[in-house]
Amino acid sequence: MCIVSGPVPSSATPLGVIGYRQAGALAFTRWVLLHGIGSGSASWSAQLAAVPPDLPGLLAWDAPGYGDSEGLRLPDDAWPDATAYASRLWAWLDALGLVQPLTLVGHSLGALMAARAAVLQPQRVAALVLLAPAQGHARLDAAQRERLLHDRLSALATLGPAGLAQQRGAAMLTPDAPADQLALVQTVMARIRPRGYIHAARMLAGGDLLADLAQLRCPVQVASGSADRITPPAGCQQVAAAAGVPWTDLGPVGHACPLQAGPAVNALLGLTSVGAA
């Protein structure tokens, strides 16, 4: 399951280079996976491993400022919104020559990026799948938004990426998760780049997933684990209600549901049937 080491391809775009992981046939890509704030493309190991080389493809990017992806071309003190990430997403897919409608799969903070991408270019989105979605903090009062952002960035400044991974990695899973899953979560989190993380945290502070969902007409699925302590079921159910769809319970798993509930997520995406075809 572990897909952390090894070469990662990259693609140059007018907005900056994007690093990514790929499974299946690139020209027939069907799914694009967008990771969360403390993560990276390797967090989709269970999904990447499910697609054989000769079948419809799956891509998992490293968001701007993560992995081998160039950071947003903004000042260090900028406050980017989800459009900055969604624009880079479409520039990357353009560079790869992918013009067919795609299913965008956003986990946690990636849900904000995926939804905004669907707002920007709805004709290119076949469906939207939101896993343990982060709603963004735009609807919180200013003091609460500031406190949450301050706490997150203070932890990064004090602990550094490796310390952050040791302190917070376990919260992504349930206590009974296998040791190899915890090791993967911590390894990926330890590799975050501070500037990219800071920009992403500011995007989260101003994000409003529900506002974007109100503009969408594509099929939407919302799923998460019942034991998720970071985006608890009540909040994910609110997202599902806003999209007018039922919430899918992935079972007693934590926030890193693509990893801890890999088979259930693969079935939700249709990767199981593709792998068996």
C-alpha atoms as a PDB file:
ATOM      1  CA  MET A   1       0.000   0.000   0.000  1.00  0.00           C
ATOM      2  CA  CYS A   2       2.821   2.403   0.757  1.00  0.00           C
ATOM      3  CA  ILE A   3       3.557   4.706  -2.198  1.00  0.00           C
ATOM      4  CA  VAL A   4       5.782   7.347  -0.638  1.00  0.00           C
ATOM      5  CA  SER A   5       9.199   6.866  -2.206  1.00  0.00           C
ATOM      6  CA  GLY A   6      10.162   6.725  -5.859  1.00  0.00           C
ATOM      7  CA  PRO A   7      10.121   9.259  -8.684  1.00  0.00           C
ATOM      8  CA  VAL A   8       7.115  11.542  -9.061  1.00  0.00           C
ATOM      9  CA  PRO A   9       6.334  12.920 -12.526  1.00  0.00           C
ATOM     10  CA  SER A  10       5.719  16.614 -12.972  1.00  0.00           C
ATOM     11  CA  SER A  11       4.092  18.854 -15.546  1.00  0.00           C
ATOM     12  CA  ALA A  12       4.904  22.474 -16.368  1.00  0.00           C
ATOM     13  CA  THR A  13       1.976  24.861 -16.658  1.00  0.00           C
ATOM     14  CA  PRO A  14       1.762  28.622 -17.238  1.00  0.00           C
ATOM     15  CA  LEU A  15       0.955  28.949 -13.520  1.00  0.00           C
ATOM     16  CA  GLY A  16       3.733  26.707 -12.225  1.00  0.00           C
ATOM     17  CA  VAL A  17       4.934  23.123 -12.118  1.00  0.00           C
ATOM     18  CA  ILE A  18       2.706  20.423 -10.629  1.00  0.00           C
ATOM     19  CA  GLY A  19       4.014  17.121  -9.287  1.00  0.00           C
ATOM     20  CA  TYR A  20       1.640  14.190  -9.252  1.00  0.00           C
ATOM     21  CA  ARG A  21       1.190  10.446  -9.018  1.00  0.00           C
ATOM     22  CA  GLN A  22      -0.520   8.420 -11.712  1.00  0.00           C
ATOM     23  CA  ALA A  23      -2.144   5.022 -12.101  1.00  0.00           C
ATOM     24  CA  GLY A  24      -3.816   3.595 -15.189  1.00  0.00           C
ATOM     25  CA  ALA A  25      -3.838   5.015 -18.699  1.00  0.00           C
ATOM     26  CA  LEU A  26      -3.193   8.775 -18.638  1.00  0.00           C
ATOM     27  CA  ALA A  27      -5.080   9.556 -21.861  1.00  0.00           C
ATOM     28  CA  PHE A  28      -8.215   7.962 -20.422  1.00  0.00           C
ATOM     29  CA  THR A  29      -8.011   9.523 -16.989  1.00  0.00           C
ATOM     30  CA  ARG A  30     -11.322   9.404 -15.161  1.00  0.00           C
ATOM     31  CA  TRP A  31     -10.505  10.491 -11.591  1.00  0.00           C
ATOM     32  CA  VAL A  32      -8.459  13.378 -10.169  1.00  0.00           C
ATOM     33  CA  LEU A  33      -7.676  13.242  -6.442  1.00  0.00           C
ATOM     34  CA  LEU A  34      -6.990  16.337  -4.320  1.00  0.00           C
ATOM     35  CA  HIS A  35      -5.442  15.853  -0.881  1.00  0.00           C
ATOM     36  CA  GLY A  36      -5.906  17.722   2.390  1.00  0.00           C
ATOM     37  CA  ILE A  37      -3.848  20.354   4.199  1.00  0.00           C
ATOM     38  CA  GLY A  38      -1.439  18.105   6.104  1.00  0.00           C
ATOM     39  CA  SER A  39      -1.029  15.581   3.360  1.00  0.00           C
ATOM     40  CA  GLY A  40       0.153  14.952  -0.196  1.00  0.00           C
ATOM     41  CA  SER A  41      -0.367  12.770  -3.232  1.00  0.00           C
ATOM     42  CA  ALA A  42       0.975   9.674  -1.448  1.00  0.00           C
ATOM     43  CA  SER A  43      -2.020   9.772   0.912  1.00  0.00           C
ATOM     44  CA  TRP A  44      -4.030   8.219  -1.957  1.00  0.00           C
ATOM     45  CA  SER A  45      -1.949   5.026  -1.911  1.00  0.00           C
ATOM     46  CA  ALA A  46      -4.973   2.737  -1.579  1.00  0.00           C
ATOM     47  CA  GLN A  47      -6.622   4.321  -4.612  1.00  0.00           C
ATOM     48  CA  LEU A  48      -3.481   4.459  -6.773  1.00  0.00           C
ATOM     49  CA  ALA A  49      -2.837   0.789  -6.076  1.00  0.00           C
ATOM     50  CA  ALA A  50      -6.339  -0.179  -7.221  1.00  0.00           C
ATOM     51  CA  VAL A  51      -5.980   0.837 -10.887  1.00  0.00           C
ATOM     52  CA  PRO A  52      -4.113  -1.460 -13.326  1.00  0.00           C
ATOM     53  CA  PRO A  53      -1.844   0.199 -15.932  1.00  0.00           C
ATOM     54  CA  ASP A  54      -4.074  -0.506 -18.939  1.00  0.00           C
ATOM     55  CA  LEU A  55      -7.376   0.743 -17.514  1.00  0.00           C
ATOM     56  CA  PRO A  56      -8.892   4.253 -17.175  1.00  0.00           C
ATOM     57  CA  GLY A  57      -6.479   6.463 -15.329  1.00  0.00           C
ATOM     58  CA  LEU A  58      -6.344   8.130 -11.944  1.00  0.00           C
ATOM     59  CA  LEU A  59      -4.252  11.161 -11.016  1.00  0.00           C
ATOM     60  CA  ALA A  60      -3.348  12.448  -7.558  1.00  0.00           C
ATOM     61  CA  TRP A  61      -1.697  15.858  -7.468  1.00  0.00           C
ATOM     62  CA  ASP A  62       0.540  17.531  -4.986  1.00  0.00           C
ATOM     63  CA  ALA A  63      -1.215  20.840  -4.420  1.00  0.00           C
ATOM     64  CA  PRO A  64       0.737  24.059  -5.064  1.00  0.00           C
ATOM     65  CA  GLY A  65       3.435  24.350  -2.407  1.00  0.00           C
ATOM     66  CA  TYR A  66       3.379  20.599  -1.629  1.00  0.00           C
ATOM     67  CA  GLY A  67       5.725  17.851  -2.750  1.00  0.00           C
ATOM     68  CA  ASP A  68       7.374  18.723  -6.055  1.00  0.00           C
ATOM     69  CA  SER A  69       4.698  21.284  -6.977  1.00  0.00           C
ATOM     70  CA  GLU A  70       5.714  24.915  -7.303  1.00  0.00           C
ATOM     71  CA  GLY A  71       4.092  27.166  -4.729  1.00  0.00           C
ATOM     72  CA  LEU A  72       1.494  29.736  -5.613  1.00  0.00           C
ATOM     73  CA  ARG A  73       3.089  32.718  -7.315  1.00  0.00           C
ATOM     74  CA  LEU A  74       2.010  35.035  -4.549  1.00  0.00           C
ATOM     75  CA  PRO A  75       3.835  36.908  -1.785  1.00  0.00           C
ATOM     76  CA  ASP A  76       4.559  34.998   1.393  1.00  0.00           C
ATOM     77  CA  ASP A  77       1.990  37.091   3.247  1.00  0.00           C
ATOM     78  CA  ALA A  78      -0.767  36.560   0.650  1.00  0.00           C
ATOM     79  CA  TRP A  79      -4.180  35.153   1.525  1.00  0.00           C
ATOM     80  CA  PRO A  80      -5.092  32.973  -1.475  1.00  0.00           C
ATOM     81  CA  ASP A  81      -8.633  31.755  -2.026  1.00  0.00           C
ATOM     82  CA  ALA A  82      -9.794  28.453  -3.490  1.00  0.00           C
ATOM     83  CA  THR A  83      -9.749  29.942  -6.984  1.00  0.00           C
ATOM     84  CA  ALA A  84      -5.940  30.147  -6.882  1.00  0.00           C
ATOM     85  CA  TYR A  85      -5.757  26.384  -6.415  1.00  0.00           C
ATOM     86  CA  ALA A  86      -8.594  25.554  -8.810  1.00  0.00           C
ATOM     87  CA  SER A  87      -6.999  27.646 -11.553  1.00  0.00           C
ATOM     88  CA  ARG A  88      -3.722  25.756 -11.134  1.00  0.00           C
ATOM     89  CA  LEU A  89      -5.649  22.480 -11.246  1.00  0.00           C
ATOM     90  CA  TRP A  90      -7.178  23.278 -14.615  1.00  0.00           C
ATOM     91  CA  ALA A  91      -3.873  24.601 -15.968  1.00  0.00           C
ATOM     92  CA  TRP A  92      -2.256  21.295 -14.987  1.00  0.00           C
ATOM     93  CA  LEU A  93      -4.987  19.183 -16.610  1.00  0.00           C
ATOM     94  CA  ASP A  94      -4.755  21.358 -19.731  1.00  0.00           C
ATOM     95  CA  ALA A  95      -0.999  20.718 -19.842  1.00  0.00           C
ATOM     96  CA  LEU A  96      -1.679  16.982 -19.693  1.00  0.00           C
ATOM     97  CA  GLY A  97      -4.145  17.288 -22.580  1.00  0.00           C
ATOM     98  CA  LEU A  98      -7.109  16.038 -20.568  1.00  0.00           C
ATOM     99  CA  VAL A  99     -10.282  17.552 -21.995  1.00  0.00           C
ATOM    100  CA  GLN A 100     -12.818  14.829 -21.134  1.00  0.00           C
ATOM    101  CA  PRO A 101     -15.169  15.346 -18.168  1.00  0.00           C
ATOM    102  CA  LEU A 102     -13.519  14.128 -14.971  1.00  0.00           C
ATOM    103  CA  THR A 103     -14.584  13.088 -11.506  1.00  0.00           C
ATOM    104  CA  LEU A 104     -12.913  15.381  -8.976  1.00  0.00           C
ATOM    105  CA  VAL A 105     -12.330  13.786  -5.590  1.00  0.00           C
ATOM    106  CA  GLY A 106     -11.496  16.168  -2.759  1.00  0.00           C
ATOM    107  CA  HIS A 107     -10.414  15.036   0.686  1.00  0.00           C
ATOM    108  CA  SER A 108     -10.675  17.527   3.572  1.00  0.00           C
ATOM    109  CA  LEU A 109      -9.187  20.827   2.313  1.00  0.00           C
ATOM    110  CA  GLY A 110      -9.136  19.282  -1.160  1.00  0.00           C
ATOM    111  CA  ALA A 111     -12.929  19.439  -1.127  1.00  0.00           C
ATOM    112  CA  LEU A 112     -12.734  23.248  -1.233  1.00  0.00           C
ATOM    113  CA  MET A 113     -10.382  23.073  -4.217  1.00  0.00           C
ATOM    114  CA  ALA A 114     -12.509  20.497  -6.041  1.00  0.00           C
ATOM    115  CA  ALA A 115     -15.757  22.391  -5.537  1.00  0.00           C
ATOM    116  CA  ARG A 116     -14.253  25.675  -6.702  1.00  0.00           C
ATOM    117  CA  ALA A 117     -12.801  23.924  -9.772  1.00  0.00           C
ATOM    118  CA  ALA A 118     -16.303  22.671 -10.583  1.00  0.00           C
ATOM    119  CA  VAL A 119     -17.679  26.196 -10.234  1.00  0.00           C
ATOM    120  CA  LEU A 120     -15.015  27.583 -12.574  1.00  0.00           C
ATOM    121  CA  GLN A 121     -15.392  24.960 -15.316  1.00  0.00           C
ATOM    122  CA  PRO A 122     -18.579  22.952 -14.742  1.00  0.00           C
ATOM    123  CA  GLN A 123     -18.561  21.508 -18.258  1.00  0.00           C
ATOM    124  CA  ARG A 124     -15.370  19.608 -17.434  1.00  0.00           C
ATOM    125  CA  VAL A 125     -16.670  17.922 -14.263  1.00  0.00           C
ATOM    126  CA  ALA A 126     -18.570  14.651 -14.547  1.00  0.00           C
ATOM    127  CA  ALA A 127     -19.036  14.349 -10.784  1.00  0.00           C
ATOM    128  CA  LEU A 128     -17.727  15.633  -7.471  1.00  0.00           C
ATOM    129  CA  VAL A 129     -16.831  13.342  -4.571  1.00  0.00           C
ATOM    130  CA  LEU A 130     -16.145  15.006  -1.202  1.00  0.00           C
ATOM    131  CA  LEU A 131     -14.444  12.844   1.419  1.00  0.00           C
ATOM    132  CA  ALA A 132     -14.381  14.144   5.000  1.00  0.00           C
ATOM    133  CA  PRO A 133     -14.871  17.637   3.526  1.00  0.00           C
ATOM    134  CA  ALA A 134     -13.585  20.763   5.223  1.00  0.00           C
ATOM    135  CA  GLN A 135     -16.210  23.495   4.949  1.00  0.00           C
ATOM    136  CA  GLY A 136     -13.797  26.385   5.373  1.00  0.00           C
ATOM    137  CA  HIS A 137     -14.089  28.998   8.106  1.00  0.00           C
ATOM    138  CA  ALA A 138     -15.731  31.880   6.272  1.00  0.00           C
ATOM    139  CA  ARG A 139     -18.980  31.435   8.208  1.00  0.00           C
ATOM    140  CA  LEU A 140     -17.318  31.533  11.622  1.00  0.00           C
ATOM    141  CA  ASP A 141     -17.002  34.787  13.500  1.00  0.00           C
ATOM    142  CA  ALA A 142     -13.770  36.698  12.961  1.00  0.00           C
ATOM    143  CA  ALA A 143     -12.327  35.909  16.389  1.00  0.00           C
ATOM    144  CA  GLN A 144     -12.861  32.177  15.969  1.00  0.00           C
ATOM    145  CA  ARG A 145     -11.361  32.202  12.470  1.00  0.00           C
ATOM    146  CA  GLU A 146      -8.318  34.066  13.746  1.00  0.00           C
ATOM    147  CA  ARG A 147      -7.866  31.713  16.693  1.00  0.00           C
ATOM    148  CA  LEU A 148      -8.051  28.569  14.555  1.00  0.00           C
ATOM    149  CA  LEU A 149      -5.557  29.941  12.058  1.00  0.00           C
ATOM    150  CA  HIS A 150      -3.222  31.195  14.788  1.00  0.00           C
ATOM    151  CA  ASP A 151      -3.256  27.815  16.541  1.00  0.00           C
ATOM    152  CA  ARG A 152      -2.493  25.960  13.316  1.00  0.00           C
ATOM    153  CA  LEU A 153       0.356  28.220  12.235  1.00  0.00           C
ATOM    154  CA  SER A 154       1.815  28.437  15.742  1.00  0.00           C
ATOM    155  CA  ALA A 155       1.997  24.648  15.886  1.00  0.00           C
ATOM    156  CA  LEU A 156       3.844  24.597  12.572  1.00  0.00           C
ATOM    157  CA  ALA A 157       6.281  27.293  13.693  1.00  0.00           C
ATOM    158  CA  THR A 158       6.948  25.594  17.025  1.00  0.00           C
ATOM    159  CA  LEU A 159       7.111  21.969  15.963  1.00  0.00           C
ATOM    160  CA  GLY A 160       8.140  22.093  12.312  1.00  0.00           C
ATOM    161  CA  PRO A 161       6.696  19.600   9.827  1.00  0.00           C
ATOM    162  CA  ALA A 162       8.264  16.542  11.475  1.00  0.00           C
ATOM    163  CA  GLY A 163       7.098  17.526  14.942  1.00  0.00           C
ATOM    164  CA  LEU A 164       3.648  18.356  13.612  1.00  0.00           C
ATOM    165  CA  ALA A 165       3.446  14.892  12.070  1.00  0.00           C
ATOM    166  CA  GLN A 166       4.402  13.219  15.348  1.00  0.00           C
ATOM    167  CA  GLN A 167       1.924  15.275  17.353  1.00  0.00           C
ATOM    168  CA  ARG A 168      -1.050  15.291  14.995  1.00  0.00           C
ATOM    169  CA  GLY A 169      -0.634  12.288  12.737  1.00  0.00           C
ATOM    170  CA  ALA A 170      -2.456   9.923  15.068  1.00  0.00           C
ATOM    171  CA  ALA A 171      -5.522  12.196  15.112  1.00  0.00           C
ATOM    172  CA  MET A 172      -6.016  11.392  11.414  1.00  0.00           C
ATOM    173  CA  LEU A 173      -6.803   7.771  12.283  1.00  0.00           C
ATOM    174  CA  THR A 174      -8.575   5.787  14.963  1.00  0.00           C
ATOM    175  CA  PRO A 175      -6.470   4.260  17.768  1.00  0.00           C
ATOM    176  CA  ASP A 176      -6.893   0.765  16.322  1.00  0.00           C
ATOM    177  CA  ALA A 177      -5.497   1.687  12.887  1.00  0.00           C
ATOM    178  CA  PRO A 178      -2.622  -0.513  11.701  1.00  0.00           C
ATOM    179  CA  ALA A 179       0.876   0.751  12.421  1.00  0.00           C
ATOM    180  CA  ASP A 180       1.738   0.958   8.724  1.00  0.00           C
ATOM    181  CA  GLN A 181      -1.149   3.367   8.155  1.00  0.00           C
ATOM    182  CA  LEU A 182       0.021   5.634  10.975  1.00  0.00           C
ATOM    183  CA  ALA A 183       3.556   5.509   9.587  1.00  0.00           C
ATOM    184  CA  LEU A 184       2.320   6.560   6.146  1.00  0.00           C
ATOM    185  CA  VAL A 185       0.250   9.441   7.529  1.00  0.00           C
ATOM    186  CA  GLN A 186       3.190  10.709   9.582  1.00  0.00           C
ATOM    187  CA  THR A 187       5.695  10.314   6.757  1.00  0.00           C
ATOM    188  CA  VAL A 188       3.549  12.285   4.331  1.00  0.00           C
ATOM    189  CA  MET A 189       2.746  14.983   6.897  1.00  0.00           C
ATOM    190  CA  ALA A 190       6.410  15.363   7.823  1.00  0.00           C
ATOM    191  CA  ARG A 191       7.147  16.327   4.221  1.00  0.00           C
ATOM    192  CA  ILE A 192       4.869  19.357   4.061  1.00  0.00           C
ATOM    193  CA  ARG A 193       6.582  22.581   3.036  1.00  0.00           C
ATOM    194  CA  PRO A 194       5.884  25.448   5.456  1.00  0.00           C
ATOM    195  CA  ARG A 195       5.140  28.135   2.861  1.00  0.00           C
ATOM    196  CA  GLY A 196       2.685  25.894   1.019  1.00  0.00           C
ATOM    197  CA  TYR A 197       1.037  24.903   4.289  1.00  0.00           C
ATOM    198  CA  ILE A 198       0.697  28.532   5.396  1.00  0.00           C
ATOM    199  CA  HIS A 199      -0.977  29.533   2.125  1.00  0.00           C
ATOM    200  CA  ALA A 200      -3.308  26.543   2.357  1.00  0.00           C
ATOM    201  CA  ALA A 201      -4.202  27.384   5.965  1.00  0.00           C
ATOM    202  CA  ARG A 202      -5.126  30.926   4.944  1.00  0.00           C
ATOM    203  CA  MET A 203      -7.262  29.551   2.129  1.00  0.00           C
ATOM    204  CA  LEU A 204      -9.041  27.335   4.668  1.00  0.00           C
ATOM    205  CA  ALA A 205      -9.659  30.350   6.899  1.00  0.00           C
ATOM    206  CA  GLY A 206     -11.528  32.135   4.117  1.00  0.00           C
ATOM    207  CA  GLY A 207     -13.122  29.114   2.452  1.00  0.00           C
ATOM    208  CA  ASP A 208     -16.873  28.573   2.078  1.00  0.00           C
ATOM    209  CA  LEU A 209     -17.665  25.148   0.651  1.00  0.00           C
ATOM    210  CA  LEU A 210     -21.405  25.510   1.117  1.00  0.00           C
ATOM    211  CA  ALA A 211     -21.482  28.646  -1.047  1.00  0.00           C
ATOM    212  CA  ASP A 212     -19.749  26.807  -3.880  1.00  0.00           C
ATOM    213  CA  LEU A 213     -22.029  23.779  -3.584  1.00  0.00           C
ATOM    214  CA  ALA A 214     -25.039  26.052  -4.026  1.00  0.00           C
ATOM    215  CA  GLN A 215     -23.773  26.888  -7.533  1.00  0.00           C
ATOM    216  CA  LEU A 216     -23.205  23.314  -8.730  1.00  0.00           C
ATOM    217  CA  ARG A 217     -25.401  21.092 -10.858  1.00  0.00           C
ATOM    218  CA  CYS A 218     -23.127  18.067 -11.271  1.00  0.00           C
ATOM    219  CA  PRO A 219     -23.650  14.833  -9.311  1.00  0.00           C
ATOM    220  CA  VAL A 220     -22.171  15.056  -5.809  1.00  0.00           C
ATOM    221  CA  GLN A 221     -21.295  12.407  -3.235  1.00  0.00           C
ATOM    222  CA  VAL A 222     -20.320  13.150   0.352  1.00  0.00           C
ATOM    223  CA  ALA A 223     -18.732  10.514   2.589  1.00  0.00           C
ATOM    224  CA  SER A 224     -16.694  10.278   5.766  1.00  0.00           C
ATOM    225  CA  GLY A 225     -15.924   8.029   8.693  1.00  0.00           C
ATOM    226  CA  SER A 226     -18.180   7.886  11.710  1.00  0.00           C
ATOM    227  CA  ALA A 227     -15.118   8.164  13.995  1.00  0.00           C
ATOM    228  CA  ASP A 228     -13.649  11.240  12.281  1.00  0.00           C
ATOM    229  CA  ARG A 229     -12.570  13.754  14.947  1.00  0.00           C
ATOM    230  CA  ILE A 230     -11.365  16.445  12.521  1.00  0.00           C
ATOM    231  CA  THR A 231     -14.421  16.773  10.296  1.00  0.00           C
ATOM    232  CA  PRO A 232     -17.016  15.012  12.457  1.00  0.00           C
ATOM    233  CA  PRO A 233     -20.085  13.343  10.901  1.00  0.00           C
ATOM    234  CA  ALA A 234     -22.433  16.217  11.810  1.00  0.00           C
ATOM    235  CA  GLY A 235     -20.463  18.669   9.701  1.00  0.00           C
ATOM    236  CA  CYS A 236     -20.171  16.248   6.791  1.00  0.00           C
ATOM    237  CA  GLN A 237     -23.899  15.605   6.984  1.00  0.00           C
ATOM    238  CA  GLN A 238     -24.421  19.377   6.754  1.00  0.00           C
ATOM    239  CA  VAL A 239     -22.343  19.408   3.563  1.00  0.00           C
ATOM    240  CA  ALA A 240     -24.398  16.547   2.141  1.00  0.00           C
ATOM    241  CA  ALA A 241     -27.637  18.349   2.994  1.00  0.00           C
ATOM    242  CA  ALA A 242     -26.375  21.490   1.263  1.00  0.00           C
ATOM    243  CA  ALA A 243     -25.665  19.414  -1.837  1.00  0.00           C
ATOM    244  CA  GLY A 244     -29.083  17.739  -1.598  1.00  0.00           C
ATOM    245  CA  VAL A 245     -27.620  14.239  -1.303  1.00  0.00           C
ATOM    246  CA  PRO A 246     -27.384  11.587   1.426  1.00  0.00           C
ATOM    247  CA  TRP A 247     -24.250  11.279   3.523  1.00  0.00           C
ATOM    248  CA  THR A 248     -22.344   8.011   3.082  1.00  0.00           C
ATOM    249  CA  ASP A 249     -20.922   6.484   6.261  1.00  0.00           C
ATOM    250  CA  LEU A 250     -17.561   4.841   5.543  1.00  0.00           C
ATOM    251  CA  GLY A 251     -17.582   3.057   8.873  1.00  0.00           C
ATOM    252  CA  PRO A 252     -15.715   3.557  12.171  1.00  0.00           C
ATOM    253  CA  VAL A 253     -12.643   5.170  10.632  1.00  0.00           C
ATOM    254  CA  GLY A 254     -10.898   8.481  11.147  1.00  0.00           C
ATOM    255  CA  HIS A 255     -10.194  11.526   9.022  1.00  0.00           C
ATOM    256  CA  ALA A 256      -7.711   9.765   6.740  1.00  0.00           C
ATOM    257  CA  CYS A 257     -10.583   7.769   5.274  1.00  0.00           C
ATOM    258  CA  PRO A 258      -9.038   7.228   1.804  1.00  0.00           C
ATOM    259  CA  LEU A 259      -6.357   5.231   3.615  1.00  0.00           C
ATOM    260  CA  GLN A 260      -8.159   3.685   6.592  1.00  0.00           C
ATOM    261  CA  ALA A 261     -11.312   2.895   4.607  1.00  0.00           C
ATOM    262  CA  GLY A 262      -9.509   2.213   1.339  1.00  0.00           C
ATOM    263  CA  PRO A 263     -11.791  -0.584   0.048  1.00  0.00           C
ATOM    264  CA  ALA A 264     -14.954   1.380   0.895  1.00  0.00           C
ATOM    265  CA  VAL A 265     -13.642   4.540  -0.786  1.00  0.00           C
ATOM    266  CA  ASN A 266     -12.543   2.546  -3.824  1.00  0.00           C
ATOM    267  CA  ALA A 267     -16.012   1.036  -4.105  1.00  0.00           C
ATOM    268  CA  LEU A 268     -17.605   4.480  -3.756  1.00  0.00           C
ATOM    269  CA  LEU A 269     -15.453   5.812  -6.606  1.00  0.00           C
ATOM    270  CA  GLY A 270     -16.020   2.786  -8.799  1.00  0.00           C
ATOM    271  CA  LEU A 271     -12.375   1.755  -8.703  1.00  0.00           C
ATOM    272  CA  THR A 272     -13.297  -1.771  -7.600  1.00  0.00           C
ATOM    273  CA  SER A 273     -15.328  -2.415 -10.737  1.00  0.00           C
ATOM    274  CA  VAL A 274     -12.632  -0.863 -12.941  1.00  0.00           C
ATOM    275  CA  GLY A 275      -9.948  -3.073 -11.424  1.00  0.00           C
ATOM    276  CA  ALA A 276     -12.131  -6.139 -11.988  1.00  0.00           C
ATOM    277  CA  ALA A 277     -12.998  -5.260 -15.581  1.00  0.00           C
END
